[in-house]
């Protein structure tokens, strides 16, 4: 970890299940995380493609 960063604010995204459970999250939170990532990555890309048509 870079100097000046804290483990709770690393400046990036860790998606491993061990990291998620370490933060106290369970299955329902993991489903919500997956849904949010899908919206950001997949749906956003689809919208960008449609705008350029």
Protein backbone atom coordinates (compact mmCIF):
# COMPACT_ATOMS: atom_id res chain seq x y z
CA UNK A 1 0.00 0.00 0.00
CA UNK A 2 1.30 3.44 -0.90
CA UNK A 3 2.48 5.77 1.82
CA UNK A 4 -0.23 7.98 3.25
CA UNK A 5 -3.08 5.60 2.45
CA UNK A 6 -5.21 3.87 5.06
CA UNK A 7 -6.55 0.33 4.64
CA UNK A 8 -10.12 1.66 4.87
CA UNK A 9 -9.40 4.22 2.10
CA UNK A 10 -6.89 2.55 -0.25
CA UNK A 11 -7.73 4.67 -3.29
CA UNK A 12 -8.97 1.73 -5.35
CA UNK A 13 -11.50 -1.06 -5.52
CA UNK A 14 -10.93 -4.52 -4.06
CA UNK A 15 -13.55 -7.00 -5.17
CA UNK A 16 -12.46 -10.20 -3.50
CA UNK A 17 -15.01 -11.90 -1.28
CA UNK A 18 -12.54 -11.93 1.59
CA UNK A 19 -12.29 -8.14 1.43
CA UNK A 20 -16.07 -7.74 1.29
CA UNK A 21 -16.66 -10.06 4.23
CA UNK A 22 -13.82 -8.39 6.17
CA UNK A 23 -15.87 -5.20 5.93
CA UNK A 24 -18.85 -7.06 7.43
CA UNK A 25 -20.89 -7.53 4.27
CA UNK A 26 -22.96 -10.63 3.51
CA UNK A 27 -24.70 -12.15 0.47
CA UNK A 28 -27.33 -9.43 0.11
CA UNK A 29 -24.67 -6.71 -0.01
CA UNK A 30 -22.66 -8.74 -2.54
CA UNK A 31 -25.72 -8.91 -4.82
CA UNK A 32 -26.14 -5.15 -4.52
CA UNK A 33 -22.46 -4.58 -5.30
CA UNK A 34 -22.77 -6.78 -8.41
CA UNK A 35 -25.84 -4.86 -9.54
CA UNK A 36 -24.12 -1.51 -9.09
CA UNK A 37 -21.03 -2.66 -10.98
CA UNK A 38 -23.23 -3.93 -13.80
CA UNK A 39 -24.94 -0.56 -14.03
CA UNK A 40 -21.63 1.28 -14.12
CA UNK A 41 -19.75 -0.99 -16.52
CA UNK A 42 -22.23 -2.78 -18.79
CA UNK A 43 -25.18 -0.41 -19.02
CA UNK A 44 -22.98 2.69 -19.31
CA UNK A 45 -21.09 1.13 -22.24
CA UNK A 46 -24.39 0.28 -23.94
CA UNK A 47 -25.60 3.87 -23.52
CA UNK A 48 -22.37 5.24 -24.98
CA UNK A 49 -22.66 2.96 -28.02
CA UNK A 50 -26.26 4.03 -28.61
CA UNK A 51 -25.32 7.72 -28.45
CA UNK A 52 -22.83 7.24 -31.30
CA UNK A 53 -25.34 5.55 -33.65
